[in-house]
PDB file of all heavy atoms in Angstrom:
ATOM      1  N   SER A   1       9.046  66.468  67.718  1.00  0.00           N
ATOM      2  CA  SER A   1       8.622  65.116  67.196  1.00  0.00           C
ATOM      3  C   SER A   1       7.333  65.232  66.408  1.00  0.00           C
ATOM      4  O   SER A   1       6.719  66.392  66.362  1.00  0.00           O
ATOM      5  CB  SER A   1       8.426  64.171  68.443  1.00  0.00           C
ATOM      6  OG  SER A   1       7.371  64.615  69.263  1.00  0.00           O
ATOM      7  N   GLY A   2       6.971  64.186  65.753  1.00  0.00           N
ATOM      8  CA  GLY A   2       5.815  64.159  64.888  1.00  0.00           C
ATOM      9  C   GLY A   2       6.240  64.515  63.433  1.00  0.00           C
ATOM     10  O   GLY A   2       7.234  63.944  62.906  1.00  0.00           O
ATOM     11  N   MET A   3       5.458  65.354  62.842  1.00  0.00           N
ATOM     12  CA  MET A   3       5.701  65.781  61.451  1.00  0.00           C
ATOM     13  C   MET A   3       6.791  66.858  61.420  1.00  0.00           C
ATOM     14  O   MET A   3       6.523  68.069  61.269  1.00  0.00           O
ATOM     15  CB  MET A   3       4.406  66.276  60.796  1.00  0.00           C
ATOM     16  CG  MET A   3       3.310  65.254  60.810  1.00  0.00           C
ATOM     17  SD  MET A   3       3.629  63.845  59.716  1.00  0.00           S
ATOM     18  CE  MET A   3       3.601  64.613  58.077  1.00  0.00           C
ATOM     19  N   VAL A   4       7.992  66.404  61.533  1.00  0.00           N
ATOM     20  CA  VAL A   4       9.100  67.430  61.795  1.00  0.00           C
ATOM     21  C   VAL A   4       9.744  67.862  60.466  1.00  0.00           C
ATOM     22  O   VAL A   4      10.663  68.684  60.417  1.00  0.00           O
ATOM     23  CB  VAL A   4      10.254  66.712  62.637  1.00  0.00           C
ATOM     24  CG1 VAL A   4       9.723  66.441  63.986  1.00  0.00           C
ATOM     25  CG2 VAL A   4      10.762  65.432  61.975  1.00  0.00           C
ATOM     26  N   SER A   5       9.314  67.381  59.299  1.00  0.00           N
ATOM     27  CA  SER A   5       9.865  67.784  58.011  1.00  0.00           C
ATOM     28  C   SER A   5       9.482  69.249  57.746  1.00  0.00           C
ATOM     29  O   SER A   5       8.466  69.786  58.267  1.00  0.00           O
ATOM     30  CB  SER A   5       9.298  66.897  56.907  1.00  0.00           C
ATOM     31  OG  SER A   5       7.894  66.995  56.746  1.00  0.00           O
ATOM     32  N   ASN A   6      10.360  69.900  57.002  1.00  0.00           N
ATOM     33  CA  ASN A   6      10.173  71.222  56.560  1.00  0.00           C
ATOM     34  C   ASN A   6      10.246  72.317  57.690  1.00  0.00           C
ATOM     35  O   ASN A   6       9.651  73.416  57.543  1.00  0.00           O
ATOM     36  CB  ASN A   6       8.900  71.426  55.749  1.00  0.00           C
ATOM     37  CG  ASN A   6       8.948  70.643  54.548  1.00  0.00           C
ATOM     38  OD1 ASN A   6       9.922  70.641  53.797  1.00  0.00           O
ATOM     39  ND2 ASN A   6       7.826  69.974  54.169  1.00  0.00           N
ATOM     40  N   ILE A   7      10.886  71.992  58.850  1.00  0.00           N
ATOM     41  CA  ILE A   7      11.074  72.986  59.928  1.00  0.00           C
ATOM     42  C   ILE A   7      12.226  73.864  59.407  1.00  0.00           C
ATOM     43  O   ILE A   7      13.293  73.389  59.152  1.00  0.00           O
ATOM     44  CB  ILE A   7      11.318  72.360  61.210  1.00  0.00           C
ATOM     45  CG1 ILE A   7       9.970  71.643  61.715  1.00  0.00           C
ATOM     46  CG2 ILE A   7      11.763  73.367  62.254  1.00  0.00           C
ATOM     47  CD1 ILE A   7      10.143  70.877  63.045  1.00  0.00           C
ATOM     48  N   ASN A   8      12.003  75.184  59.514  1.00  0.00           N
ATOM     49  CA  ASN A   8      13.010  76.123  59.162  1.00  0.00           C
ATOM     50  C   ASN A   8      13.583  76.708  60.485  1.00  0.00           C
ATOM     51  O   ASN A   8      14.594  76.199  61.042  1.00  0.00           O
ATOM     52  CB  ASN A   8      12.527  77.227  58.289  1.00  0.00           C
ATOM     53  CG  ASN A   8      13.580  78.293  57.876  1.00  0.00           C
ATOM     54  OD1 ASN A   8      14.820  77.897  57.978  1.00  0.00           O
ATOM     55  ND2 ASN A   8      13.158  79.439  57.470  1.00  0.00           N
ATOM     56  N   ALA A   9      12.954  77.737  60.980  1.00  0.00           N
ATOM     57  CA  ALA A   9      13.483  78.327  62.153  1.00  0.00           C
ATOM     58  C   ALA A   9      12.929  77.687  63.417  1.00  0.00           C
ATOM     59  O   ALA A   9      11.863  77.195  63.503  1.00  0.00           O
ATOM     60  CB  ALA A   9      13.027  79.824  62.246  1.00  0.00           C
ATOM     61  N   MET A  10      13.812  77.747  64.503  1.00  0.00           N
ATOM     62  CA  MET A  10      13.397  77.273  65.825  1.00  0.00           C
ATOM     63  C   MET A  10      13.854  78.313  66.753  1.00  0.00           C
ATOM     64  O   MET A  10      14.866  79.140  66.495  1.00  0.00           O
ATOM     65  CB  MET A  10      13.980  75.937  66.210  1.00  0.00           C
ATOM     66  CG  MET A  10      13.525  74.755  65.312  1.00  0.00           C
ATOM     67  SD  MET A  10      13.997  73.115  65.853  1.00  0.00           S
ATOM     68  CE  MET A  10      12.959  72.914  67.280  1.00  0.00           C
ATOM     69  N   GLY A  11      13.255  78.431  67.887  1.00  0.00           N
ATOM     70  CA  GLY A  11      13.705  79.572  68.825  1.00  0.00           C
ATOM     71  C   GLY A  11      13.087  79.441  70.197  1.00  0.00           C
ATOM     72  O   GLY A  11      12.399  78.424  70.506  1.00  0.00           O
ATOM     73  N   TRP A  12      13.432  80.370  70.947  1.00  0.00           N
ATOM     74  CA  TRP A  12      12.934  80.466  72.316  1.00  0.00           C
ATOM     75  C   TRP A  12      12.309  81.816  72.594  1.00  0.00           C
ATOM     76  O   TRP A  12      12.818  82.882  72.210  1.00  0.00           O
ATOM     77  CB  TRP A  12      14.158  80.253  73.333  1.00  0.00           C
ATOM     78  CG  TRP A  12      14.690  78.899  73.264  1.00  0.00           C
ATOM     79  CD1 TRP A  12      15.687  78.418  72.562  1.00  0.00           C
ATOM     80  CD2 TRP A  12      14.275  77.733  74.048  1.00  0.00           C
ATOM     81  NE1 TRP A  12      15.990  77.094  72.798  1.00  0.00           N
ATOM     82  CE2 TRP A  12      15.115  76.673  73.705  1.00  0.00           C
ATOM     83  CE3 TRP A  12      13.274  77.565  75.010  1.00  0.00           C
ATOM     84  CZ2 TRP A  12      14.946  75.407  74.341  1.00  0.00           C
ATOM     85  CZ3 TRP A  12      13.110  76.310  75.542  1.00  0.00           C
ATOM     86  CH2 TRP A  12      13.961  75.253  75.154  1.00  0.00           C
ATOM     87  N   TYR A  13      11.181  81.771  73.306  1.00  0.00           N
ATOM     88  CA  TYR A  13      10.504  82.972  73.819  1.00  0.00           C
ATOM     89  C   TYR A  13      10.320  82.866  75.279  1.00  0.00           C
ATOM     90  O   TYR A  13      10.439  81.749  75.887  1.00  0.00           O
ATOM     91  CB  TYR A  13       9.118  83.133  73.056  1.00  0.00           C
ATOM     92  CG  TYR A  13       9.171  83.537  71.600  1.00  0.00           C
ATOM     93  CD1 TYR A  13       9.672  82.606  70.685  1.00  0.00           C
ATOM     94  CD2 TYR A  13       8.857  84.793  71.187  1.00  0.00           C
ATOM     95  CE1 TYR A  13       9.719  82.955  69.359  1.00  0.00           C
ATOM     96  CE2 TYR A  13       8.927  85.090  69.840  1.00  0.00           C
ATOM     97  CZ  TYR A  13       9.314  84.211  68.930  1.00  0.00           C
ATOM     98  OH  TYR A  13       9.356  84.509  67.581  1.00  0.00           O
ATOM     99  N   ARG A  14      10.055  83.948  75.975  1.00  0.00           N
ATOM    100  CA  ARG A  14       9.815  83.862  77.327  1.00  0.00           C
ATOM    101  C   ARG A  14       8.740  84.857  77.783  1.00  0.00           C
ATOM    102  O   ARG A  14       8.539  85.846  77.166  1.00  0.00           O
ATOM    103  CB  ARG A  14      11.089  84.114  78.138  1.00  0.00           C
ATOM    104  CG  ARG A  14      11.624  85.560  78.071  1.00  0.00           C
ATOM    105  CD  ARG A  14      12.977  85.685  78.833  1.00  0.00           C
ATOM    106  NE  ARG A  14      13.508  87.033  78.790  1.00  0.00           N
ATOM    107  CZ  ARG A  14      14.662  87.338  79.230  1.00  0.00           C
ATOM    108  NH1 ARG A  14      15.524  86.428  79.700  1.00  0.00           N
ATOM    109  NH2 ARG A  14      15.134  88.602  79.120  1.00  0.00           N
ATOM    110  N   GLN A  15       8.082  84.564  78.911  1.00  0.00           N
ATOM    111  CA  GLN A  15       7.108  85.399  79.436  1.00  0.00           C
ATOM    112  C   GLN A  15       7.203  85.470  80.968  1.00  0.00           C
ATOM    113  O   GLN A  15       7.043  84.461  81.632  1.00  0.00           O
ATOM    114  CB  GLN A  15       5.686  84.873  79.071  1.00  0.00           C
ATOM    115  CG  GLN A  15       4.486  85.820  79.450  1.00  0.00           C
ATOM    116  CD  GLN A  15       3.262  85.469  78.788  1.00  0.00           C
ATOM    117  OE1 GLN A  15       3.015  84.322  78.412  1.00  0.00           O
ATOM    118  NE2 GLN A  15       2.283  86.372  78.662  1.00  0.00           N
ATOM    119  N   ALA A  16       7.411  86.640  81.461  1.00  0.00           N
ATOM    120  CA  ALA A  16       7.578  86.953  82.845  1.00  0.00           C
ATOM    121  C   ALA A  16       6.167  87.368  83.380  1.00  0.00           C
ATOM    122  O   ALA A  16       5.341  87.783  82.636  1.00  0.00           O
ATOM    123  CB  ALA A  16       8.568  88.070  83.184  1.00  0.00           C
ATOM    124  N   PRO A  17       5.964  87.231  84.712  1.00  0.00           N
ATOM    125  CA  PRO A  17       4.656  87.567  85.252  1.00  0.00           C
ATOM    126  C   PRO A  17       4.252  88.982  84.946  1.00  0.00           C
ATOM    127  O   PRO A  17       5.078  89.918  85.139  1.00  0.00           O
ATOM    128  CB  PRO A  17       4.872  87.394  86.782  1.00  0.00           C
ATOM    129  CG  PRO A  17       5.935  86.301  86.853  1.00  0.00           C
ATOM    130  CD  PRO A  17       6.874  86.636  85.700  1.00  0.00           C
ATOM    131  N   GLY A  18       3.064  89.202  84.419  1.00  0.00           N
ATOM    132  CA  GLY A  18       2.554  90.506  84.076  1.00  0.00           C
ATOM    133  C   GLY A  18       3.163  91.126  82.894  1.00  0.00           C
ATOM    134  O   GLY A  18       2.860  92.299  82.588  1.00  0.00           O
ATOM    135  N   LYS A  19       3.911  90.387  82.074  1.00  0.00           N
ATOM    136  CA  LYS A  19       4.542  90.891  80.869  1.00  0.00           C
ATOM    137  C   LYS A  19       4.154  90.140  79.657  1.00  0.00           C
ATOM    138  O   LYS A  19       3.624  89.052  79.702  1.00  0.00           O
ATOM    139  CB  LYS A  19       6.080  90.794  81.024  1.00  0.00           C
ATOM    140  CG  LYS A  19       6.693  91.532  82.228  1.00  0.00           C
ATOM    141  CD  LYS A  19       6.485  93.025  82.019  1.00  0.00           C
ATOM    142  CE  LYS A  19       7.134  93.790  83.225  1.00  0.00           C
ATOM    143  NZ  LYS A  19       8.591  93.551  83.345  1.00  0.00           N
ATOM    144  N   GLN A  20       4.361  90.718  78.527  1.00  0.00           N
ATOM    145  CA  GLN A  20       4.134  90.105  77.252  1.00  0.00           C
ATOM    146  C   GLN A  20       5.182  89.069  76.904  1.00  0.00           C
ATOM    147  O   GLN A  20       6.311  89.197  77.332  1.00  0.00           O
ATOM    148  CB  GLN A  20       4.075  91.140  76.109  1.00  0.00           C
ATOM    149  CG  GLN A  20       2.947  92.138  76.222  1.00  0.00           C
ATOM    150  CD  GLN A  20       1.538  91.574  75.993  1.00  0.00           C
ATOM    151  OE1 GLN A  20       1.429  90.747  75.105  1.00  0.00           O
ATOM    152  NE2 GLN A  20       0.557  91.975  76.696  1.00  0.00           N
ATOM    153  N   ARG A  21       4.816  88.083  76.151  1.00  0.00           N
ATOM    154  CA  ARG A  21       5.727  87.084  75.704  1.00  0.00           C
ATOM    155  C   ARG A  21       6.771  87.822  74.737  1.00  0.00           C
ATOM    156  O   ARG A  21       6.336  88.624  73.852  1.00  0.00           O
ATOM    157  CB  ARG A  21       5.065  85.963  75.029  1.00  0.00           C
ATOM    158  CG  ARG A  21       6.045  84.842  74.538  1.00  0.00           C
ATOM    159  CD  ARG A  21       5.260  83.645  74.041  1.00  0.00           C
ATOM    160  NE  ARG A  21       4.355  83.062  75.018  1.00  0.00           N
ATOM    161  CZ  ARG A  21       3.650  81.934  74.769  1.00  0.00           C
ATOM    162  NH1 ARG A  21       3.748  81.259  73.591  1.00  0.00           N
ATOM    163  NH2 ARG A  21       2.774  81.521  75.676  1.00  0.00           N
ATOM    164  N   GLU A  22       8.032  87.588  74.885  1.00  0.00           N
ATOM    165  CA  GLU A  22       9.049  88.215  74.108  1.00  0.00           C
ATOM    166  C   GLU A  22       9.974  87.156  73.521  1.00  0.00           C
ATOM    167  O   GLU A  22      10.281  86.119  74.106  1.00  0.00           O
ATOM    168  CB  GLU A  22       9.807  89.270  74.977  1.00  0.00           C
ATOM    169  CG  GLU A  22      10.660  88.692  76.094  1.00  0.00           C
ATOM    170  CD  GLU A  22      11.376  89.671  76.877  1.00  0.00           C
ATOM    171  OE1 GLU A  22      11.343  90.880  76.441  1.00  0.00           O
ATOM    172  OE2 GLU A  22      12.102  89.305  77.822  1.00  0.00           O
ATOM    173  N   LEU A  23      10.626  87.655  72.407  1.00  0.00           N
ATOM    174  CA  LEU A  23      11.573  86.797  71.732  1.00  0.00           C
ATOM    175  C   LEU A  23      12.907  86.793  72.580  1.00  0.00           C
ATOM    176  O   LEU A  23      13.337  87.780  73.030  1.00  0.00           O
ATOM    177  CB  LEU A  23      11.868  87.281  70.326  1.00  0.00           C
ATOM    178  CG  LEU A  23      12.859  86.452  69.471  1.00  0.00           C
ATOM    179  CD1 LEU A  23      12.490  86.548  67.987  1.00  0.00           C
ATOM    180  CD2 LEU A  23      14.259  87.125  69.549  1.00  0.00           C
ATOM    181  N   VAL A  24      13.461  85.609  72.686  1.00  0.00           N
ATOM    182  CA  VAL A  24      14.798  85.430  73.319  1.00  0.00           C
ATOM    183  C   VAL A  24      15.821  85.223  72.311  1.00  0.00           C
ATOM    184  O   VAL A  24      16.862  85.963  72.218  1.00  0.00           O
ATOM    185  CB  VAL A  24      14.792  84.363  74.326  1.00  0.00           C
ATOM    186  CG1 VAL A  24      16.217  84.177  74.960  1.00  0.00           C
ATOM    187  CG2 VAL A  24      13.754  84.631  75.555  1.00  0.00           C
ATOM    188  N   ALA A  25      15.769  84.222  71.479  1.00  0.00           N
ATOM    189  CA  ALA A  25      16.622  83.870  70.462  1.00  0.00           C
ATOM    190  C   ALA A  25      16.087  82.937  69.411  1.00  0.00           C
ATOM    191  O   ALA A  25      15.178  82.188  69.699  1.00  0.00           O
ATOM    192  CB  ALA A  25      17.956  83.190  71.109  1.00  0.00           C
ATOM    193  N   THR A  26      16.508  83.039  68.191  1.00  0.00           N
ATOM    194  CA  THR A  26      16.097  82.149  67.133  1.00  0.00           C
ATOM    195  C   THR A  26      17.311  81.691  66.289  1.00  0.00           C
ATOM    196  O   THR A  26      18.353  82.263  66.330  1.00  0.00           O
ATOM    197  CB  THR A  26      15.120  82.930  66.198  1.00  0.00           C
ATOM    198  OG1 THR A  26      15.741  84.000  65.593  1.00  0.00           O
ATOM    199  CG2 THR A  26      13.903  83.337  66.848  1.00  0.00           C
ATOM    200  N   ILE A  27      17.063  80.573  65.641  1.00  0.00           N
ATOM    201  CA  ILE A  27      18.083  80.003  64.772  1.00  0.00           C
ATOM    202  C   ILE A  27      17.425  79.384  63.611  1.00  0.00           C
ATOM    203  O   ILE A  27      16.414  78.597  63.746  1.00  0.00           O
ATOM    204  CB  ILE A  27      19.075  79.050  65.530  1.00  0.00           C
ATOM    205  CG1 ILE A  27      20.153  78.567  64.657  1.00  0.00           C
ATOM    206  CG2 ILE A  27      18.226  77.905  66.136  1.00  0.00           C
ATOM    207  CD1 ILE A  27      21.290  77.816  65.454  1.00  0.00           C
ATOM    208  N   THR A  28      17.946  79.619  62.372  1.00  0.00           N
ATOM    209  CA  THR A  28      17.415  79.018  61.221  1.00  0.00           C
ATOM    210  C   THR A  28      18.056  77.679  60.924  1.00  0.00           C
ATOM    211  O   THR A  28      19.058  77.315  61.519  1.00  0.00           O
ATOM    212  CB  THR A  28      17.561  79.926  59.970  1.00  0.00           C
ATOM    213  OG1 THR A  28      18.969  80.032  59.651  1.00  0.00           O
ATOM    214  CG2 THR A  28      16.990  81.296  60.265  1.00  0.00           C
ATOM    215  N   SER A  29      17.537  76.945  59.962  1.00  0.00           N
ATOM    216  CA  SER A  29      18.108  75.677  59.602  1.00  0.00           C
ATOM    217  C   SER A  29      19.506  75.859  59.023  1.00  0.00           C
ATOM    218  O   SER A  29      20.363  74.933  59.084  1.00  0.00           O
ATOM    219  CB  SER A  29      17.224  74.928  58.571  1.00  0.00           C
ATOM    220  OG  SER A  29      17.042  75.657  57.374  1.00  0.00           O
ATOM    221  N   GLY A  30      19.824  77.067  58.454  1.00  0.00           N
ATOM    222  CA  GLY A  30      21.074  77.353  57.923  1.00  0.00           C
ATOM    223  C   GLY A  30      22.076  77.809  59.016  1.00  0.00           C
ATOM    224  O   GLY A  30      23.266  78.124  58.684  1.00  0.00           O
ATOM    225  N   GLY A  31      21.555  78.089  60.174  1.00  0.00           N
ATOM    226  CA  GLY A  31      22.547  78.536  61.281  1.00  0.00           C
ATOM    227  C   GLY A  31      22.530  79.954  61.621  1.00  0.00           C
ATOM    228  O   GLY A  31      23.265  80.378  62.490  1.00  0.00           O
ATOM    229  N   SER A  32      21.697  80.786  60.976  1.00  0.00           N
ATOM    230  CA  SER A  32      21.662  82.167  61.279  1.00  0.00           C
ATOM    231  C   SER A  32      20.964  82.383  62.635  1.00  0.00           C
ATOM    232  O   SER A  32      19.896  81.745  62.857  1.00  0.00           O
ATOM    233  CB  SER A  32      20.894  82.980  60.211  1.00  0.00           C
ATOM    234  OG  SER A  32      21.613  82.838  58.945  1.00  0.00           O
ATOM    235  N   THR A  33      21.495  83.198  63.520  1.00  0.00           N
ATOM    236  CA  THR A  33      20.929  83.410  64.862  1.00  0.00           C
ATOM    237  C   THR A  33      20.603  84.819  65.071  1.00  0.00           C
ATOM    238  O   THR A  33      21.078  85.753  64.378  1.00  0.00           O
ATOM    239  CB  THR A  33      21.942  83.004  65.927  1.00  0.00           C
ATOM    240  OG1 THR A  33      23.199  83.778  65.769  1.00  0.00           O
ATOM    241  CG2 THR A  33      22.322  81.499  65.849  1.00  0.00           C
ATOM    242  N   ASN A  34      19.636  85.056  65.970  1.00  0.00           N
ATOM    243  CA  ASN A  34      19.161  86.344  66.323  1.00  0.00           C
ATOM    244  C   ASN A  34      18.893  86.312  67.832  1.00  0.00           C
ATOM    245  O   ASN A  34      18.276  85.395  68.353  1.00  0.00           O
ATOM    246  CB  ASN A  34      17.877  86.733  65.615  1.00  0.00           C
ATOM    247  CG  ASN A  34      17.445  88.095  65.837  1.00  0.00           C
ATOM    248  OD1 ASN A  34      18.159  89.076  65.821  1.00  0.00           O
ATOM    249  ND2 ASN A  34      16.137  88.234  66.155  1.00  0.00           N
ATOM    250  N   TYR A  35      19.332  87.381  68.554  1.00  0.00           N
ATOM    251  CA  TYR A  35      19.108  87.445  69.967  1.00  0.00           C
ATOM    252  C   TYR A  35      18.462  88.784  70.371  1.00  0.00           C
ATOM    253  O   TYR A  35      18.658  89.759  69.790  1.00  0.00           O
ATOM    254  CB  TYR A  35      20.471  87.374  70.719  1.00  0.00           C
ATOM    255  CG  TYR A  35      21.229  86.034  70.528  1.00  0.00           C
ATOM    256  CD1 TYR A  35      22.140  85.874  69.474  1.00  0.00           C
ATOM    257  CD2 TYR A  35      21.058  84.987  71.385  1.00  0.00           C
ATOM    258  CE1 TYR A  35      22.809  84.653  69.350  1.00  0.00           C
ATOM    259  CE2 TYR A  35      21.657  83.787  71.252  1.00  0.00           C
ATOM    260  CZ  TYR A  35      22.594  83.618  70.237  1.00  0.00           C
ATOM    261  OH  TYR A  35      23.278  82.409  70.065  1.00  0.00           O
ATOM    262  N   ALA A  36      17.692  88.719  71.504  1.00  0.00           N
ATOM    263  CA  ALA A  36      17.297  89.862  72.074  1.00  0.00           C
ATOM    264  C   ALA A  36      18.437  90.576  72.712  1.00  0.00           C
ATOM    265  O   ALA A  36      19.428  89.943  73.218  1.00  0.00           O
ATOM    266  CB  ALA A  36      16.197  89.541  73.223  1.00  0.00           C
ATOM    267  N   ASP A  37      18.437  91.908  72.774  1.00  0.00           N
ATOM    268  CA  ASP A  37      19.496  92.738  73.283  1.00  0.00           C
ATOM    269  C   ASP A  37      19.792  92.412  74.670  1.00  0.00           C
ATOM    270  O   ASP A  37      20.882  92.419  75.122  1.00  0.00           O
ATOM    271  CB  ASP A  37      19.168  94.239  73.142  1.00  0.00           C
ATOM    272  CG  ASP A  37      19.250  94.734  71.734  1.00  0.00           C
ATOM    273  OD1 ASP A  37      19.871  94.048  70.843  1.00  0.00           O
ATOM    274  OD2 ASP A  37      18.655  95.788  71.442  1.00  0.00           O
ATOM    275  N   SER A  38      18.745  92.026  75.449  1.00  0.00           N
ATOM    276  CA  SER A  38      18.901  91.768  76.890  1.00  0.00           C
ATOM    277  C   SER A  38      19.765  90.510  77.168  1.00  0.00           C
ATOM    278  O   SER A  38      20.202  90.375  78.346  1.00  0.00           O
ATOM    279  CB  SER A  38      17.529  91.718  77.576  1.00  0.00           C
ATOM    280  OG  SER A  38      16.752  90.643  76.983  1.00  0.00           O
ATOM    281  N   VAL A  39      19.827  89.626  76.171  1.00  0.00           N
ATOM    282  CA  VAL A  39      20.578  88.348  76.487  1.00  0.00           C
ATOM    283  C   VAL A  39      21.835  88.230  75.689  1.00  0.00           C
ATOM    284  O   VAL A  39      22.537  87.251  75.824  1.00  0.00           O
ATOM    285  CB  VAL A  39      19.664  87.133  76.251  1.00  0.00           C
ATOM    286  CG1 VAL A  39      18.374  87.300  76.995  1.00  0.00           C
ATOM    287  CG2 VAL A  39      19.358  86.976  74.688  1.00  0.00           C
TER     288      VAL A  39
END
């Protein structure tokens, strides 16, 4: 919400206890997706 214009990619990251934040999945406005190997 808010100034939502011009958003391209959206995605999810996660952080487990004691671990670095890592990419889970992303998706562009055109529908291209990318996933971490673990998921």
